[in-house]
């Protein structure tokens, strides 16, 4: 399964910028729906998204695709 690392990236950005960042703010800056972001944060929920959303999130977090999401074999999920 693909696991999004959105929580980790958000926590790192908050620490670096020394402020709270909401999913609403991320949604406004990236154009990715807040509900989609919320689903990406859930470890239990599998979420399908577009390459445009992935690109926008990578730009926002200034990261590579492999920093945003990782493949985890289903036996480890």
N, C-alpha and C. Protein backbone atom coordinates (compact mmCIF):
# COMPACT_ATOMS: atom_id res chain seq x y z
N UNK A 1 0.84 -1.17 0.00
CA UNK A 1 0.00 0.00 0.00
C UNK A 1 0.89 1.24 0.00
N UNK A 2 0.36 2.32 -0.48
CA UNK A 2 1.06 3.60 -0.45
C UNK A 2 0.66 4.32 0.84
N UNK A 3 1.66 4.75 1.58
CA UNK A 3 1.39 5.49 2.82
C UNK A 3 1.91 6.91 2.64
N UNK A 4 1.03 7.88 2.87
CA UNK A 4 1.41 9.28 2.78
C UNK A 4 2.08 9.71 4.08
N UNK A 5 3.10 10.50 3.98
CA UNK A 5 3.85 10.99 5.13
C UNK A 5 3.49 12.45 5.43
N UNK A 6 2.23 12.79 5.18
CA UNK A 6 1.76 14.16 5.33
C UNK A 6 1.91 14.67 6.77
N UNK A 7 1.59 13.83 7.75
CA UNK A 7 1.70 14.24 9.15
C UNK A 7 3.13 14.63 9.50
N UNK A 8 4.08 13.81 9.05
CA UNK A 8 5.49 14.07 9.35
C UNK A 8 5.97 15.36 8.69
N UNK A 9 5.59 15.54 7.42
CA UNK A 9 5.99 16.75 6.70
C UNK A 9 5.36 18.00 7.31
N UNK A 10 4.12 17.88 7.71
CA UNK A 10 3.43 19.01 8.34
C UNK A 10 4.09 19.36 9.67
N UNK A 11 4.41 18.36 10.47
CA UNK A 11 5.07 18.60 11.76
C UNK A 11 6.44 19.26 11.56
N UNK A 12 7.19 18.80 10.57
CA UNK A 12 8.51 19.37 10.30
C UNK A 12 8.39 20.83 9.85
N UNK A 13 7.40 21.11 9.00
CA UNK A 13 7.20 22.48 8.51
C UNK A 13 6.77 23.39 9.66
N UNK A 14 5.90 22.90 10.53
CA UNK A 14 5.48 23.68 11.70
C UNK A 14 6.68 23.99 12.60
N UNK A 15 7.52 23.00 12.83
CA UNK A 15 8.70 23.18 13.66
C UNK A 15 9.65 24.20 13.04
N UNK A 16 9.89 24.05 11.75
CA UNK A 16 10.81 24.94 11.04
C UNK A 16 10.30 26.38 11.02
N UNK A 17 9.01 26.55 10.80
CA UNK A 17 8.42 27.90 10.72
C UNK A 17 7.95 28.42 12.07
N UNK A 18 8.03 27.57 13.10
CA UNK A 18 7.64 27.94 14.47
C UNK A 18 6.22 28.50 14.55
N UNK A 19 5.31 27.77 13.89
CA UNK A 19 3.90 28.17 13.92
C UNK A 19 3.02 26.98 13.58
N UNK A 20 1.75 27.09 13.92
CA UNK A 20 0.76 26.05 13.63
C UNK A 20 0.29 26.20 12.19
N UNK A 21 0.24 25.08 11.47
CA UNK A 21 -0.25 25.08 10.09
C UNK A 21 -1.46 24.15 10.01
N UNK A 22 -2.58 24.67 9.56
CA UNK A 22 -3.80 23.87 9.48
C UNK A 22 -3.92 23.22 8.10
N UNK A 23 -4.75 22.19 8.04
CA UNK A 23 -5.02 21.55 6.75
C UNK A 23 -5.73 22.53 5.83
N UNK A 24 -6.51 23.43 6.41
CA UNK A 24 -7.20 24.46 5.60
C UNK A 24 -6.16 25.32 4.89
N UNK A 25 -5.11 25.71 5.60
CA UNK A 25 -4.05 26.52 4.99
C UNK A 25 -3.34 25.75 3.87
N UNK A 26 -3.02 24.49 4.14
CA UNK A 26 -2.37 23.65 3.13
C UNK A 26 -3.26 23.54 1.89
N UNK A 27 -4.55 23.33 2.13
CA UNK A 27 -5.51 23.21 1.02
C UNK A 27 -5.55 24.49 0.19
N UNK A 28 -5.58 25.63 0.87
CA UNK A 28 -5.63 26.91 0.16
C UNK A 28 -4.37 27.16 -0.65
N UNK A 29 -3.21 26.80 -0.10
CA UNK A 29 -1.92 27.06 -0.78
C UNK A 29 -1.64 26.06 -1.90
N UNK A 30 -2.19 24.84 -1.80
CA UNK A 30 -1.87 23.80 -2.79
C UNK A 30 -2.99 23.54 -3.78
N UNK A 31 -4.22 23.89 -3.42
CA UNK A 31 -5.36 23.57 -4.27
C UNK A 31 -5.84 22.13 -4.08
N UNK A 32 -5.28 21.43 -3.11
CA UNK A 32 -5.70 20.07 -2.80
C UNK A 32 -6.82 20.15 -1.77
N UNK A 33 -7.93 19.50 -2.05
CA UNK A 33 -9.10 19.52 -1.18
C UNK A 33 -8.75 19.11 0.25
N UNK A 34 -9.29 19.83 1.24
CA UNK A 34 -9.02 19.55 2.64
C UNK A 34 -9.43 18.13 3.03
N UNK A 35 -10.52 17.65 2.47
CA UNK A 35 -10.96 16.28 2.74
C UNK A 35 -9.93 15.28 2.24
N UNK A 36 -9.38 15.53 1.08
CA UNK A 36 -8.33 14.65 0.55
C UNK A 36 -7.11 14.66 1.45
N UNK A 37 -6.72 15.84 1.93
CA UNK A 37 -5.58 15.93 2.84
C UNK A 37 -5.84 15.15 4.12
N UNK A 38 -7.04 15.26 4.62
CA UNK A 38 -7.42 14.54 5.83
C UNK A 38 -7.34 13.04 5.61
N UNK A 39 -7.80 12.57 4.47
CA UNK A 39 -7.74 11.14 4.15
C UNK A 39 -6.29 10.69 4.00
N UNK A 40 -5.44 11.55 3.44
CA UNK A 40 -4.02 11.20 3.29
C UNK A 40 -3.34 11.04 4.65
N UNK A 41 -3.81 11.78 5.65
CA UNK A 41 -3.22 11.70 6.98
C UNK A 41 -3.59 10.40 7.70
N UNK A 42 -4.70 9.81 7.34
CA UNK A 42 -5.17 8.60 8.02
C UNK A 42 -4.36 7.39 7.59
N UNK A 43 -3.78 6.69 8.55
CA UNK A 43 -2.99 5.49 8.24
C UNK A 43 -3.90 4.32 7.86
N UNK A 44 -5.13 4.35 8.31
CA UNK A 44 -6.05 3.24 8.04
C UNK A 44 -6.77 3.36 6.71
N UNK A 45 -6.87 4.59 6.21
CA UNK A 45 -7.63 4.82 4.99
C UNK A 45 -6.71 4.85 3.77
N UNK A 46 -7.07 4.10 2.77
CA UNK A 46 -6.33 4.18 1.51
C UNK A 46 -6.95 5.28 0.68
N UNK A 47 -6.10 6.12 0.14
CA UNK A 47 -6.61 7.27 -0.62
C UNK A 47 -5.92 7.35 -1.97
N UNK A 48 -6.71 7.55 -2.99
CA UNK A 48 -6.20 7.73 -4.34
C UNK A 48 -6.18 9.22 -4.64
N UNK A 49 -5.11 9.68 -5.28
CA UNK A 49 -5.01 11.10 -5.60
C UNK A 49 -4.40 11.28 -6.98
N UNK A 50 -4.28 12.50 -7.42
CA UNK A 50 -3.75 12.79 -8.76
C UNK A 50 -2.28 13.18 -8.68
N UNK A 51 -1.61 13.08 -9.80
CA UNK A 51 -0.21 13.52 -9.86
C UNK A 51 -0.13 15.03 -9.67
N UNK A 52 -1.16 15.75 -10.06
CA UNK A 52 -1.19 17.20 -9.85
C UNK A 52 -1.19 17.51 -8.36
N UNK A 53 -1.97 16.78 -7.57
CA UNK A 53 -2.00 16.99 -6.13
C UNK A 53 -0.65 16.65 -5.51
N UNK A 54 -0.04 15.56 -5.96
CA UNK A 54 1.27 15.16 -5.45
C UNK A 54 2.29 16.24 -5.78
N UNK A 55 2.26 16.75 -6.99
CA UNK A 55 3.18 17.82 -7.40
C UNK A 55 2.99 19.06 -6.54
N UNK A 56 1.75 19.45 -6.31
CA UNK A 56 1.46 20.64 -5.50
C UNK A 56 1.96 20.48 -4.07
N UNK A 57 1.75 19.29 -3.50
CA UNK A 57 2.20 19.04 -2.13
C UNK A 57 3.73 19.02 -2.05
N UNK A 58 4.38 18.43 -3.04
CA UNK A 58 5.85 18.42 -3.05
C UNK A 58 6.39 19.85 -3.15
N UNK A 59 5.74 20.68 -3.95
CA UNK A 59 6.15 22.08 -4.06
C UNK A 59 5.95 22.80 -2.73
N UNK A 60 4.80 22.61 -2.11
CA UNK A 60 4.49 23.27 -0.84
C UNK A 60 5.47 22.87 0.26
N UNK A 61 5.76 21.58 0.36
CA UNK A 61 6.66 21.09 1.41
C UNK A 61 8.13 21.11 0.98
N UNK A 62 8.38 21.52 -0.27
CA UNK A 62 9.73 21.55 -0.81
C UNK A 62 10.42 20.20 -0.60
N UNK A 63 9.75 19.15 -1.10
CA UNK A 63 10.25 17.80 -0.91
C UNK A 63 10.14 17.00 -2.21
N UNK A 64 10.70 15.80 -2.19
CA UNK A 64 10.59 14.88 -3.32
C UNK A 64 9.39 13.96 -3.10
N UNK A 65 8.97 13.31 -4.15
CA UNK A 65 7.82 12.39 -4.07
C UNK A 65 8.06 11.33 -2.99
N UNK A 66 9.28 10.79 -2.93
CA UNK A 66 9.56 9.73 -1.95
C UNK A 66 9.55 10.25 -0.51
N UNK A 67 9.60 11.57 -0.33
CA UNK A 67 9.45 12.15 1.01
C UNK A 67 7.97 12.26 1.39
N UNK A 68 7.13 12.40 0.39
CA UNK A 68 5.69 12.55 0.60
C UNK A 68 4.96 11.22 0.78
N UNK A 69 5.42 10.20 0.05
CA UNK A 69 4.73 8.92 0.15
C UNK A 69 5.72 7.78 -0.03
N UNK A 70 5.42 6.67 0.64
CA UNK A 70 6.28 5.49 0.59
C UNK A 70 5.41 4.26 0.37
N UNK A 71 6.02 3.25 -0.22
CA UNK A 71 5.33 1.97 -0.40
C UNK A 71 5.62 1.09 0.81
N UNK A 72 4.54 0.57 1.40
CA UNK A 72 4.65 -0.34 2.53
C UNK A 72 3.95 -1.64 2.12
N UNK A 73 4.66 -2.78 2.16
CA UNK A 73 3.99 -4.04 1.82
C UNK A 73 2.75 -4.24 2.70
N UNK A 74 1.71 -4.79 2.13
CA UNK A 74 0.44 -4.98 2.86
C UNK A 74 0.60 -5.72 4.16
N UNK A 75 1.56 -6.61 4.26
CA UNK A 75 1.77 -7.37 5.49
C UNK A 75 2.25 -6.48 6.64
N UNK A 76 2.81 -5.29 6.32
CA UNK A 76 3.28 -4.38 7.33
C UNK A 76 2.28 -3.28 7.64
N UNK A 77 1.23 -3.15 6.80
CA UNK A 77 0.27 -2.05 6.92
C UNK A 77 -0.47 -2.04 8.18
